[in-house]
Amino acid sequence: MKKIAFYILLIISATSCVSTRSTLKNVDDNAPDLVLKRNNTFEIKLFSTDKKYGFDPDYPVNIFFRNTKDEALNETRFLNALAGPNGEKITYIRLETCCPFPTKRSDMGAGFLNVYELKWEGQKKPIKLYLNIYEKGLLMVPMGLSLAKE
């Protein structure tokens, strides 16, 4: 009897980890495919005017590119294209993985956001960006950042 109760509890907790509805607000399957530049960074032509873009888990930077087998590569391609507000070189570190959501682009049926901390010289407080490798959306430079010089 204890084994049955344990398995029932395990099944309930496993299925409750991922919501069946996504809270992501800026997914756009019709967004243009991402383009790689010669320096192996993503080509970014748009600048966000939304203060939430990239800074809020419901409005992550969506960087789906062909597949999700090497998530760090696609995140690096995006982050290396960025600079501080005045063109400063940024450094970044992945802080955590959070915020599960349902997706069809994962073998598990669920995706997670990766949270990065960005720093640059002269900055008062590091910033956190939420990156999503599973979904498509318009790729933009988040507010307060600029594009790195080539």
N, C-alpha and C. Protein backbone atom coordinates (compact mmCIF):
# COMPACT_ATOMS: atom_id res chain seq x y z
N MET A 1 0.81 -1.19 0.00
CA MET A 1 0.00 0.00 0.00
C MET A 1 0.87 1.27 0.00
N LYS A 2 1.96 1.22 0.75
CA LYS A 2 2.84 2.38 0.80
C LYS A 2 3.48 2.64 -0.57
N LYS A 3 3.82 1.57 -1.29
CA LYS A 3 4.41 1.73 -2.61
C LYS A 3 3.43 2.41 -3.57
N ILE A 4 2.19 2.01 -3.53
CA ILE A 4 1.17 2.59 -4.41
C ILE A 4 1.00 4.07 -4.09
N ALA A 5 0.92 4.42 -2.83
CA ALA A 5 0.78 5.83 -2.43
C ALA A 5 1.99 6.63 -2.88
N PHE A 6 3.17 6.04 -2.76
CA PHE A 6 4.40 6.72 -3.18
C PHE A 6 4.38 6.99 -4.68
N TYR A 7 4.01 5.99 -5.48
CA TYR A 7 3.96 6.16 -6.93
C TYR A 7 2.90 7.17 -7.36
N ILE A 8 1.77 7.18 -6.69
CA ILE A 8 0.73 8.16 -7.00
C ILE A 8 1.24 9.57 -6.69
N LEU A 9 1.88 9.73 -5.55
CA LEU A 9 2.45 11.02 -5.18
C LEU A 9 3.53 11.45 -6.17
N LEU A 10 4.36 10.50 -6.60
CA LEU A 10 5.42 10.79 -7.57
C LEU A 10 4.83 11.25 -8.91
N ILE A 11 3.81 10.59 -9.38
CA ILE A 11 3.17 10.95 -10.64
C ILE A 11 2.52 12.34 -10.55
N ILE A 12 1.86 12.60 -9.45
CA ILE A 12 1.21 13.91 -9.27
C ILE A 12 2.25 15.02 -9.25
N SER A 13 3.33 14.81 -8.51
CA SER A 13 4.35 15.87 -8.43
C SER A 13 5.08 16.05 -9.75
N ALA A 14 5.29 14.98 -10.50
CA ALA A 14 5.98 15.10 -11.79
C ALA A 14 5.12 15.84 -12.81
N THR A 15 3.84 15.61 -12.79
CA THR A 15 2.97 16.29 -13.76
C THR A 15 2.61 17.70 -13.34
N SER A 16 2.78 18.03 -12.08
CA SER A 16 2.44 19.38 -11.64
C SER A 16 3.59 20.35 -11.80
N CYS A 17 4.79 19.87 -12.17
CA CYS A 17 5.95 20.74 -12.30
C CYS A 17 5.84 21.70 -13.46
N VAL A 18 5.17 21.30 -14.51
CA VAL A 18 5.07 22.14 -15.69
C VAL A 18 3.60 22.47 -15.93
N SER A 19 3.33 23.74 -16.00
CA SER A 19 1.98 24.19 -16.29
C SER A 19 1.61 23.79 -17.71
N THR A 20 0.32 23.61 -17.96
CA THR A 20 -0.11 23.25 -19.31
C THR A 20 -0.30 24.49 -20.17
N ARG A 21 -0.23 25.68 -19.56
CA ARG A 21 -0.33 26.93 -20.31
C ARG A 21 0.96 27.70 -20.17
N SER A 22 1.40 28.23 -21.25
CA SER A 22 2.62 29.02 -21.23
C SER A 22 2.31 30.45 -20.78
N THR A 23 3.19 31.01 -19.97
CA THR A 23 3.03 32.41 -19.54
C THR A 23 3.83 33.35 -20.42
N LEU A 24 4.59 32.81 -21.37
CA LEU A 24 5.43 33.64 -22.24
C LEU A 24 4.55 34.51 -23.14
N LYS A 25 4.83 35.80 -23.17
CA LYS A 25 3.99 36.76 -23.90
C LYS A 25 4.52 37.15 -25.27
N ASN A 26 5.78 36.87 -25.56
CA ASN A 26 6.36 37.39 -26.80
C ASN A 26 6.84 36.29 -27.75
N VAL A 27 6.20 35.15 -27.73
CA VAL A 27 6.52 34.08 -28.67
C VAL A 27 5.87 34.40 -30.01
N ASP A 28 6.64 34.23 -31.09
CA ASP A 28 6.12 34.51 -32.43
C ASP A 28 6.72 33.49 -33.39
N ASP A 29 5.95 32.45 -33.70
CA ASP A 29 6.45 31.42 -34.62
C ASP A 29 6.65 31.94 -36.03
N ASN A 30 6.10 33.10 -36.35
CA ASN A 30 6.26 33.70 -37.67
C ASN A 30 7.44 34.66 -37.74
N ALA A 31 8.16 34.80 -36.64
CA ALA A 31 9.34 35.69 -36.64
C ALA A 31 10.36 35.16 -37.63
N PRO A 32 11.12 36.06 -38.24
CA PRO A 32 12.13 35.59 -39.20
C PRO A 32 13.17 34.71 -38.52
N ASP A 33 13.71 33.77 -39.27
CA ASP A 33 14.77 32.92 -38.73
C ASP A 33 15.99 33.76 -38.40
N LEU A 34 16.71 33.35 -37.38
CA LEU A 34 17.91 34.09 -36.98
C LEU A 34 19.02 33.89 -38.00
N VAL A 35 19.84 34.92 -38.15
CA VAL A 35 20.92 34.90 -39.12
C VAL A 35 22.24 35.03 -38.38
N LEU A 36 23.20 34.18 -38.77
CA LEU A 36 24.54 34.26 -38.18
C LEU A 36 25.42 35.17 -39.00
N LYS A 37 26.20 35.99 -38.30
CA LYS A 37 27.19 36.85 -38.97
C LYS A 37 28.51 36.09 -39.05
N ARG A 38 29.46 36.65 -39.75
CA ARG A 38 30.76 35.99 -39.92
C ARG A 38 31.49 35.78 -38.60
N ASN A 39 31.25 36.66 -37.63
CA ASN A 39 31.93 36.52 -36.34
C ASN A 39 31.19 35.58 -35.39
N ASN A 40 30.25 34.79 -35.92
CA ASN A 40 29.50 33.78 -35.18
C ASN A 40 28.61 34.37 -34.08
N THR A 41 28.12 35.59 -34.32
CA THR A 41 27.09 36.16 -33.45
C THR A 41 25.83 36.32 -34.28
N PHE A 42 24.70 36.47 -33.59
CA PHE A 42 23.46 36.68 -34.32
C PHE A 42 23.39 38.11 -34.84
N GLU A 43 22.82 38.25 -36.02
CA GLU A 43 22.57 39.57 -36.59
C GLU A 43 21.33 40.14 -35.90
N ILE A 44 21.50 41.30 -35.29
CA ILE A 44 20.39 41.95 -34.59
C ILE A 44 20.23 43.35 -35.18
N LYS A 45 19.02 43.65 -35.66
CA LYS A 45 18.77 44.94 -36.28
C LYS A 45 17.77 45.78 -35.50
N LEU A 46 17.06 45.16 -34.56
CA LEU A 46 16.01 45.87 -33.84
C LEU A 46 16.42 46.16 -32.40
N PHE A 47 15.92 47.27 -31.87
CA PHE A 47 16.14 47.65 -30.48
C PHE A 47 14.78 47.68 -29.78
N SER A 48 14.66 47.00 -28.67
CA SER A 48 13.40 46.94 -27.96
C SER A 48 13.07 48.27 -27.30
N THR A 49 11.80 48.61 -27.30
CA THR A 49 11.32 49.78 -26.58
C THR A 49 10.49 49.36 -25.37
N ASP A 50 10.43 48.05 -25.13
CA ASP A 50 9.67 47.48 -24.01
C ASP A 50 10.63 47.21 -22.86
N LYS A 51 10.39 47.83 -21.72
CA LYS A 51 11.26 47.67 -20.55
C LYS A 51 11.27 46.23 -20.03
N LYS A 52 10.26 45.45 -20.37
CA LYS A 52 10.18 44.07 -19.89
C LYS A 52 10.99 43.10 -20.76
N TYR A 53 11.22 43.45 -22.02
CA TYR A 53 11.87 42.54 -22.96
C TYR A 53 13.25 42.11 -22.45
N GLY A 54 13.36 40.82 -22.15
CA GLY A 54 14.61 40.24 -21.66
C GLY A 54 14.79 40.33 -20.17
N PHE A 55 14.11 41.27 -19.52
CA PHE A 55 14.28 41.49 -18.09
C PHE A 55 13.19 40.85 -17.24
N ASP A 56 12.16 40.34 -17.87
CA ASP A 56 11.01 39.74 -17.18
C ASP A 56 10.86 38.31 -17.70
N PRO A 57 10.66 37.33 -16.81
CA PRO A 57 10.55 35.94 -17.29
C PRO A 57 9.38 35.70 -18.24
N ASP A 58 8.38 36.56 -18.23
CA ASP A 58 7.27 36.41 -19.18
C ASP A 58 7.58 37.03 -20.54
N TYR A 59 8.69 37.78 -20.64
CA TYR A 59 9.11 38.43 -21.88
C TYR A 59 10.59 38.14 -22.15
N PRO A 60 10.97 36.87 -22.22
CA PRO A 60 12.39 36.55 -22.42
C PRO A 60 12.85 36.86 -23.84
N VAL A 61 14.15 36.85 -24.03
CA VAL A 61 14.71 36.95 -25.37
C VAL A 61 14.62 35.55 -25.97
N ASN A 62 13.86 35.40 -27.03
CA ASN A 62 13.66 34.10 -27.67
C ASN A 62 14.71 33.89 -28.75
N ILE A 63 15.60 32.93 -28.53
CA ILE A 63 16.72 32.73 -29.46
C ILE A 63 16.74 31.33 -30.05
N PHE A 64 15.58 30.83 -30.43
CA PHE A 64 15.53 29.52 -31.09
C PHE A 64 16.26 29.60 -32.42
N PHE A 65 17.21 28.69 -32.64
CA PHE A 65 17.97 28.68 -33.89
C PHE A 65 18.20 27.24 -34.32
N ARG A 66 17.42 26.78 -35.26
CA ARG A 66 17.51 25.45 -35.86
C ARG A 66 17.21 24.32 -34.89
N ASN A 67 17.94 24.20 -33.81
CA ASN A 67 17.63 23.17 -32.82
C ASN A 67 18.11 23.63 -31.45
N THR A 68 17.80 22.83 -30.45
CA THR A 68 18.16 23.20 -29.08
C THR A 68 19.21 22.26 -28.51
N LYS A 69 19.94 21.59 -29.35
CA LYS A 69 20.92 20.60 -28.86
C LYS A 69 22.09 21.25 -28.14
N ASP A 70 22.49 22.44 -28.54
CA ASP A 70 23.61 23.11 -27.90
C ASP A 70 23.16 24.49 -27.44
N GLU A 71 22.45 24.52 -26.33
CA GLU A 71 21.86 25.78 -25.87
C GLU A 71 22.90 26.85 -25.58
N ALA A 72 24.03 26.48 -25.02
CA ALA A 72 25.05 27.47 -24.66
C ALA A 72 25.57 28.19 -25.91
N LEU A 73 25.65 27.49 -27.02
CA LEU A 73 26.14 28.10 -28.26
C LEU A 73 25.22 29.22 -28.72
N ASN A 74 23.92 28.98 -28.73
CA ASN A 74 22.98 30.00 -29.18
C ASN A 74 22.91 31.17 -28.20
N GLU A 75 23.02 30.88 -26.93
CA GLU A 75 23.04 31.97 -25.94
C GLU A 75 24.29 32.82 -26.12
N THR A 76 25.42 32.18 -26.35
CA THR A 76 26.68 32.90 -26.58
C THR A 76 26.60 33.74 -27.84
N ARG A 77 25.98 33.22 -28.89
CA ARG A 77 25.82 33.96 -30.14
C ARG A 77 25.03 35.25 -29.92
N PHE A 78 24.06 35.20 -29.05
CA PHE A 78 23.28 36.39 -28.75
C PHE A 78 24.06 37.34 -27.83
N LEU A 79 24.55 36.83 -26.72
CA LEU A 79 25.22 37.68 -25.74
C LEU A 79 26.47 38.35 -26.29
N ASN A 80 27.22 37.65 -27.14
CA ASN A 80 28.43 38.24 -27.72
C ASN A 80 28.12 39.34 -28.74
N ALA A 81 26.88 39.44 -29.17
CA ALA A 81 26.48 40.51 -30.08
C ALA A 81 26.16 41.80 -29.34
N LEU A 82 26.08 41.73 -28.00
CA LEU A 82 25.67 42.89 -27.20
C LEU A 82 26.86 43.63 -26.61
N ALA A 83 26.59 44.87 -26.22
CA ALA A 83 27.57 45.70 -25.51
C ALA A 83 26.80 46.54 -24.48
N GLY A 84 27.54 47.19 -23.60
CA GLY A 84 26.94 48.09 -22.63
C GLY A 84 26.29 49.27 -23.34
N PRO A 85 25.67 50.17 -22.60
CA PRO A 85 24.94 51.29 -23.21
C PRO A 85 25.79 52.21 -24.07
N ASN A 86 27.07 52.31 -23.77
CA ASN A 86 27.97 53.17 -24.54
C ASN A 86 29.00 52.36 -25.31
N GLY A 87 28.65 51.12 -25.62
CA GLY A 87 29.56 50.26 -26.38
C GLY A 87 30.57 49.51 -25.53
N GLU A 88 30.42 49.54 -24.21
CA GLU A 88 31.35 48.84 -23.33
C GLU A 88 31.29 47.33 -23.57
N LYS A 89 32.43 46.68 -23.44
CA LYS A 89 32.48 45.22 -23.55
C LYS A 89 31.79 44.63 -22.32
N ILE A 90 30.91 43.67 -22.57
CA ILE A 90 30.21 43.05 -21.44
C ILE A 90 30.84 41.70 -21.10
N THR A 91 30.67 41.32 -19.85
CA THR A 91 30.98 39.97 -19.40
C THR A 91 29.67 39.40 -18.87
N TYR A 92 29.54 38.10 -18.94
CA TYR A 92 28.29 37.49 -18.49
C TYR A 92 28.57 36.13 -17.88
N ILE A 93 27.63 35.73 -17.03
CA ILE A 93 27.69 34.42 -16.39
C ILE A 93 26.26 33.91 -16.24
N ARG A 94 26.08 32.62 -16.46
CA ARG A 94 24.76 32.03 -16.27
C ARG A 94 24.54 31.81 -14.79
N LEU A 95 23.46 32.38 -14.27
CA LEU A 95 23.15 32.28 -12.85
C LEU A 95 22.32 31.06 -12.50
N GLU A 96 21.29 30.82 -13.31
CA GLU A 96 20.36 29.74 -12.97
C GLU A 96 19.48 29.39 -14.17
N THR A 97 18.75 28.32 -14.01
CA THR A 97 17.72 27.90 -14.94
C THR A 97 16.41 27.96 -14.16
N CYS A 98 15.38 28.52 -14.77
CA CYS A 98 14.13 28.69 -14.03
C CYS A 98 12.93 28.61 -14.96
N CYS A 99 11.80 28.79 -14.36
CA CYS A 99 10.56 29.15 -15.03
C CYS A 99 10.12 28.14 -16.11
N PRO A 100 9.81 26.90 -15.74
CA PRO A 100 9.40 25.91 -16.74
C PRO A 100 8.12 26.33 -17.48
N PHE A 101 8.05 25.94 -18.76
CA PHE A 101 6.87 26.24 -19.57
C PHE A 101 6.73 25.13 -20.61
N PRO A 102 5.52 24.89 -21.11
CA PRO A 102 5.33 23.85 -22.13
C PRO A 102 5.83 24.32 -23.49
N THR A 103 6.42 23.39 -24.25
CA THR A 103 6.87 23.70 -25.60
C THR A 103 6.90 22.43 -26.43
N LYS A 104 6.69 22.58 -27.72
CA LYS A 104 6.76 21.45 -28.64
C LYS A 104 8.17 21.26 -29.17
N ARG A 105 9.08 22.17 -28.86
CA ARG A 105 10.45 22.11 -29.38
C ARG A 105 11.42 21.45 -28.41
N SER A 106 10.91 20.65 -27.51
CA SER A 106 11.75 19.95 -26.55
C SER A 106 11.28 18.50 -26.47
N ASP A 107 12.23 17.58 -26.36
CA ASP A 107 11.87 16.17 -26.22
C ASP A 107 11.04 15.92 -24.97
N MET A 108 11.26 16.73 -23.93
CA MET A 108 10.53 16.58 -22.67
C MET A 108 9.13 17.18 -22.73
N GLY A 109 8.88 18.06 -23.70
CA GLY A 109 7.61 18.75 -23.76
C GLY A 109 7.60 20.00 -22.88
N ALA A 110 8.75 20.30 -22.30
CA ALA A 110 8.87 21.48 -21.44
C ALA A 110 10.18 22.19 -21.74
N GLY A 111 10.18 23.48 -21.55
CA GLY A 111 11.39 24.26 -21.71
C GLY A 111 11.66 25.04 -20.44
N PHE A 112 12.85 25.60 -20.35
CA PHE A 112 13.25 26.40 -19.20
C PHE A 112 13.96 27.65 -19.70
N LEU A 113 13.91 28.69 -18.91
CA LEU A 113 14.64 29.91 -19.22
C LEU A 113 15.99 29.86 -18.51
N ASN A 114 17.01 30.40 -19.14
CA ASN A 114 18.31 30.55 -18.50
C ASN A 114 18.49 32.02 -18.15
N VAL A 115 18.94 32.25 -16.93
CA VAL A 115 19.11 33.62 -16.43
C VAL A 115 20.59 33.95 -16.42
N TYR A 116 20.94 35.06 -17.08
CA TYR A 116 22.33 35.50 -17.17
C TYR A 116 22.49 36.84 -16.46
N GLU A 117 23.64 37.00 -15.83
CA GLU A 117 24.01 38.29 -15.24
C GLU A 117 25.02 38.94 -16.17
N LEU A 118 24.76 40.20 -16.53
CA LEU A 118 25.65 40.95 -17.42
C LEU A 118 26.29 42.10 -16.65
N LYS A 119 27.60 42.28 -16.89
CA LYS A 119 28.35 43.36 -16.26
C LYS A 119 29.21 44.06 -17.30
N TRP A 120 29.51 45.33 -17.04
CA TRP A 120 30.46 46.08 -17.86
C TRP A 120 31.09 47.16 -16.99
N GLU A 121 32.19 47.69 -17.45
CA GLU A 121 32.93 48.68 -16.69
C GLU A 121 32.10 49.95 -16.50
N GLY A 122 32.09 50.48 -15.28
CA GLY A 122 31.35 51.69 -14.97
C GLY A 122 29.90 51.45 -14.57
N GLN A 123 29.47 50.22 -14.60
CA GLN A 123 28.09 49.87 -14.27
C GLN A 123 27.90 49.90 -12.75
N LYS A 124 26.76 50.40 -12.30
CA LYS A 124 26.48 50.46 -10.86
C LYS A 124 25.96 49.13 -10.33
N LYS A 125 25.10 48.49 -11.08
CA LYS A 125 24.48 47.24 -10.62
C LYS A 125 24.34 46.30 -11.82
N PRO A 126 24.79 45.03 -11.68
CA PRO A 126 24.64 44.08 -12.79
C PRO A 126 23.17 43.91 -13.18
N ILE A 127 22.93 43.53 -14.43
CA ILE A 127 21.57 43.27 -14.88
C ILE A 127 21.39 41.79 -15.13
N LYS A 128 20.15 41.35 -15.08
CA LYS A 128 19.80 39.95 -15.37
C LYS A 128 18.96 39.91 -16.63
N LEU A 129 19.32 38.98 -17.52
CA LEU A 129 18.53 38.75 -18.73
C LEU A 129 18.01 37.32 -18.73
N TYR A 130 16.76 37.16 -19.18
CA TYR A 130 16.13 35.85 -19.31
C TYR A 130 16.20 35.44 -20.78
N LEU A 131 16.80 34.28 -21.05
CA LEU A 131 16.94 33.78 -22.41
C LEU A 131 16.16 32.49 -22.59
N ASN A 132 15.51 32.36 -23.74
CA ASN A 132 14.69 31.20 -24.07
C ASN A 132 15.19 30.62 -25.38
N ILE A 133 15.76 29.42 -25.34
CA ILE A 133 16.27 28.80 -26.55
C ILE A 133 15.23 27.96 -27.28
N TYR A 134 14.04 27.80 -26.70
CA TYR A 134 13.05 26.88 -27.25
C TYR A 134 12.04 27.53 -28.19
N GLU A 135 11.82 28.82 -28.09
CA GLU A 135 10.77 29.48 -28.87
C GLU A 135 11.36 30.56 -29.76
N LYS A 136 10.59 30.91 -30.79
CA LYS A 136 10.98 31.98 -31.70
C LYS A 136 10.31 33.29 -31.29
N GLY A 137 10.92 34.37 -31.69
CA GLY A 137 10.37 35.70 -31.46
C GLY A 137 11.27 36.69 -32.17
N LEU A 138 10.86 37.93 -32.23
CA LEU A 138 11.71 38.95 -32.83
C LEU A 138 12.94 39.13 -31.96
N LEU A 139 14.11 39.06 -32.55
CA LEU A 139 15.36 39.23 -31.81
C LEU A 139 15.71 40.71 -31.77
N MET A 140 15.84 41.24 -30.55
CA MET A 140 16.11 42.66 -30.37
C MET A 140 17.18 42.86 -29.29
N VAL A 141 17.75 44.03 -29.30
CA VAL A 141 18.66 44.44 -28.24
C VAL A 141 17.79 44.94 -27.09
N PRO A 142 17.93 44.38 -25.88
CA PRO A 142 17.14 44.87 -24.75
C PRO A 142 17.48 46.32 -24.41
N MET A 143 16.51 47.03 -23.84
CA MET A 143 16.70 48.44 -23.47
C MET A 143 17.91 48.59 -22.56
N GLY A 144 18.67 49.65 -22.79
CA GLY A 144 19.83 49.93 -21.96
C GLY A 144 21.10 49.28 -22.45
N LEU A 145 21.01 48.48 -23.51
CA LEU A 145 22.19 47.84 -24.09
C LEU A 145 22.38 48.34 -25.52
N SER A 146 23.50 48.00 -26.11
CA SER A 146 23.78 48.37 -27.49
C SER A 146 24.39 47.16 -28.20
N LEU A 147 24.75 47.35 -29.45
CA LEU A 147 25.38 46.28 -30.21
C LEU A 147 26.91 46.39 -30.09
N ALA A 148 27.56 45.25 -29.98
CA ALA A 148 29.02 45.22 -29.93
C ALA A 148 29.58 45.64 -31.27
N LYS A 149 30.71 46.31 -31.25
CA LYS A 149 31.39 46.70 -32.48
C LYS A 149 32.04 45.47 -33.09
N GLU A 150 32.05 45.42 -34.40
CA GLU A 150 32.67 44.27 -35.08
C GLU A 150 34.14 44.46 -35.26
